[in-house]
Amino acid sequence: MGLGKTVQAIGIAYFYKEEWPLLIVVPSSLRYPWTEEIEKWIPELSPEEINVIQNKTDVG
C-alpha cells in the first residue's frame, strides 16, 4: 500500500489517451476509490465522462 501503483496506472493510461476509450477492471470495493483518483489526477475529465458499472444491466 502507498507505493503509487494507482497513480502510475492512471499516468500510463493518460499517456495513451489518444487510444481511449479505456476500460479499467477493479474489484467492486475499489470502483469508487478509482473514480476519485481519476478525477483527482486527470482533472480535465468531467465526472460525466467516467462510467462506473454497478451491475450487468449497466453494460447494455
N, C-alpha and C. Protein backbone atom coordinates (compact mmCIF):
# COMPACT_ATOMS: atom_id res chain seq x y z
N MET A 1 0.84 -1.19 0.00
CA MET A 1 0.00 0.00 0.00
C MET A 1 0.88 1.24 0.00
N GLY A 2 0.36 2.29 -0.63
CA GLY A 2 1.07 3.55 -0.62
C GLY A 2 2.29 3.61 -1.52
N LEU A 3 2.36 2.74 -2.50
CA LEU A 3 3.52 2.73 -3.40
C LEU A 3 3.26 3.48 -4.69
N GLY A 4 2.06 4.00 -4.87
CA GLY A 4 1.75 4.78 -6.05
C GLY A 4 1.34 3.98 -7.27
N LYS A 5 0.91 2.75 -7.05
CA LYS A 5 0.53 1.90 -8.19
C LYS A 5 -0.66 2.47 -8.96
N THR A 6 -1.64 2.98 -8.24
CA THR A 6 -2.82 3.55 -8.90
C THR A 6 -2.43 4.77 -9.73
N VAL A 7 -1.63 5.64 -9.15
CA VAL A 7 -1.20 6.85 -9.87
C VAL A 7 -0.37 6.47 -11.10
N GLN A 8 0.48 5.47 -10.96
CA GLN A 8 1.28 5.02 -12.11
C GLN A 8 0.37 4.50 -13.22
N ALA A 9 -0.61 3.70 -12.86
CA ALA A 9 -1.53 3.15 -13.86
C ALA A 9 -2.32 4.26 -14.54
N ILE A 10 -2.78 5.23 -13.77
CA ILE A 10 -3.52 6.35 -14.35
C ILE A 10 -2.61 7.16 -15.26
N GLY A 11 -1.37 7.36 -14.85
CA GLY A 11 -0.42 8.10 -15.68
C GLY A 11 -0.13 7.41 -17.00
N ILE A 12 0.04 6.10 -16.96
CA ILE A 12 0.27 5.35 -18.20
C ILE A 12 -0.97 5.40 -19.09
N ALA A 13 -2.13 5.25 -18.49
CA ALA A 13 -3.37 5.33 -19.27
C ALA A 13 -3.51 6.70 -19.92
N TYR A 14 -3.17 7.74 -19.18
CA TYR A 14 -3.27 9.10 -19.72
C TYR A 14 -2.30 9.32 -20.87
N PHE A 15 -1.13 8.72 -20.79
CA PHE A 15 -0.15 8.82 -21.87
C PHE A 15 -0.73 8.30 -23.18
N TYR A 16 -1.56 7.28 -23.08
CA TYR A 16 -2.18 6.67 -24.26
C TYR A 16 -3.61 7.16 -24.49
N LYS A 17 -3.95 8.34 -24.01
CA LYS A 17 -5.34 8.80 -24.09
C LYS A 17 -5.87 8.92 -25.51
N GLU A 18 -5.00 9.05 -26.49
CA GLU A 18 -5.45 9.08 -27.89
C GLU A 18 -6.07 7.74 -28.30
N GLU A 19 -5.76 6.70 -27.55
CA GLU A 19 -6.27 5.36 -27.85
C GLU A 19 -7.57 5.05 -27.09
N TRP A 20 -8.03 5.96 -26.27
CA TRP A 20 -9.23 5.73 -25.46
C TRP A 20 -10.44 5.54 -26.32
N PRO A 21 -11.50 4.88 -25.91
CA PRO A 21 -11.95 4.69 -24.54
C PRO A 21 -11.12 3.64 -23.80
N LEU A 22 -11.13 3.77 -22.50
CA LEU A 22 -10.32 2.95 -21.61
C LEU A 22 -11.23 2.15 -20.69
N LEU A 23 -10.92 0.89 -20.51
CA LEU A 23 -11.65 0.04 -19.58
C LEU A 23 -10.72 -0.31 -18.43
N ILE A 24 -11.14 0.00 -17.22
CA ILE A 24 -10.38 -0.34 -16.02
C ILE A 24 -11.21 -1.34 -15.24
N VAL A 25 -10.63 -2.49 -14.95
CA VAL A 25 -11.34 -3.54 -14.21
C VAL A 25 -10.71 -3.64 -12.82
N VAL A 26 -11.54 -3.42 -11.81
CA VAL A 26 -11.09 -3.50 -10.42
C VAL A 26 -12.14 -4.24 -9.60
N PRO A 27 -11.76 -4.74 -8.42
CA PRO A 27 -12.77 -5.34 -7.54
C PRO A 27 -13.84 -4.29 -7.19
N SER A 28 -15.03 -4.76 -6.92
CA SER A 28 -16.15 -3.85 -6.67
C SER A 28 -15.88 -2.88 -5.52
N SER A 29 -15.09 -3.29 -4.55
CA SER A 29 -14.80 -2.40 -3.42
C SER A 29 -13.90 -1.23 -3.81
N LEU A 30 -13.27 -1.30 -4.98
CA LEU A 30 -12.36 -0.24 -5.42
C LEU A 30 -12.93 0.63 -6.53
N ARG A 31 -14.17 0.39 -6.92
CA ARG A 31 -14.76 1.18 -8.01
C ARG A 31 -14.74 2.67 -7.72
N TYR A 32 -15.23 3.06 -6.55
CA TYR A 32 -15.33 4.48 -6.24
C TYR A 32 -13.98 5.11 -5.88
N PRO A 33 -13.11 4.41 -5.14
CA PRO A 33 -11.77 4.99 -4.94
C PRO A 33 -11.03 5.26 -6.26
N TRP A 34 -11.17 4.36 -7.23
CA TRP A 34 -10.54 4.58 -8.54
C TRP A 34 -11.17 5.77 -9.23
N THR A 35 -12.48 5.90 -9.16
CA THR A 35 -13.15 7.05 -9.76
C THR A 35 -12.62 8.35 -9.16
N GLU A 36 -12.49 8.37 -7.84
CA GLU A 36 -11.98 9.56 -7.17
C GLU A 36 -10.55 9.87 -7.59
N GLU A 37 -9.72 8.85 -7.71
CA GLU A 37 -8.33 9.06 -8.13
C GLU A 37 -8.24 9.56 -9.56
N ILE A 38 -9.07 9.03 -10.43
CA ILE A 38 -9.08 9.50 -11.82
C ILE A 38 -9.49 10.97 -11.86
N GLU A 39 -10.51 11.34 -11.12
CA GLU A 39 -10.95 12.73 -11.07
C GLU A 39 -9.85 13.63 -10.49
N LYS A 40 -9.11 13.11 -9.54
CA LYS A 40 -8.04 13.88 -8.90
C LYS A 40 -6.86 14.10 -9.84
N TRP A 41 -6.43 13.05 -10.53
CA TRP A 41 -5.21 13.11 -11.33
C TRP A 41 -5.43 13.50 -12.78
N ILE A 42 -6.65 13.41 -13.27
CA ILE A 42 -6.96 13.86 -14.64
C ILE A 42 -8.14 14.83 -14.54
N PRO A 43 -7.88 16.04 -14.04
CA PRO A 43 -8.98 16.99 -13.81
C PRO A 43 -9.68 17.45 -15.09
N GLU A 44 -9.05 17.25 -16.25
CA GLU A 44 -9.71 17.67 -17.49
C GLU A 44 -10.88 16.76 -17.87
N LEU A 45 -10.95 15.58 -17.25
CA LEU A 45 -12.10 14.69 -17.46
C LEU A 45 -13.24 15.15 -16.56
N SER A 46 -14.41 15.28 -17.14
CA SER A 46 -15.56 15.62 -16.31
C SER A 46 -16.11 14.33 -15.70
N PRO A 47 -16.77 14.42 -14.55
CA PRO A 47 -17.34 13.21 -13.94
C PRO A 47 -18.30 12.47 -14.86
N GLU A 48 -18.94 13.18 -15.79
CA GLU A 48 -19.87 12.54 -16.72
C GLU A 48 -19.14 11.63 -17.71
N GLU A 49 -17.84 11.84 -17.88
CA GLU A 49 -17.07 11.02 -18.81
C GLU A 49 -16.57 9.72 -18.18
N ILE A 50 -16.75 9.59 -16.88
CA ILE A 50 -16.32 8.39 -16.16
C ILE A 50 -17.56 7.56 -15.85
N ASN A 51 -17.61 6.36 -16.37
CA ASN A 51 -18.76 5.49 -16.17
C ASN A 51 -18.39 4.34 -15.26
N VAL A 52 -19.14 4.18 -14.18
CA VAL A 52 -18.93 3.08 -13.25
C VAL A 52 -20.07 2.09 -13.45
N ILE A 53 -19.72 0.86 -13.70
CA ILE A 53 -20.73 -0.18 -13.92
C ILE A 53 -21.10 -0.79 -12.57
N GLN A 54 -22.38 -0.69 -12.22
CA GLN A 54 -22.87 -1.21 -10.96
C GLN A 54 -23.24 -2.69 -11.06
N ASN A 55 -23.90 -3.03 -12.17
CA ASN A 55 -24.33 -4.41 -12.38
C ASN A 55 -24.46 -4.66 -13.87
N LYS A 56 -24.85 -5.86 -14.23
CA LYS A 56 -24.86 -6.23 -15.65
C LYS A 56 -25.85 -5.43 -16.49
N THR A 57 -26.87 -4.84 -15.87
CA THR A 57 -27.82 -4.05 -16.65
C THR A 57 -27.21 -2.73 -17.13
N ASP A 58 -26.12 -2.29 -16.51
CA ASP A 58 -25.46 -1.06 -16.93
C ASP A 58 -24.62 -1.25 -18.19
N VAL A 59 -24.36 -2.48 -18.57
CA VAL A 59 -23.46 -2.76 -19.69
C VAL A 59 -24.16 -2.55 -21.02
N GLY A 60 -25.35 -3.02 -21.18
CA GLY A 60 -26.03 -2.98 -22.47
C GLY A 60 -26.84 -1.80 -22.61
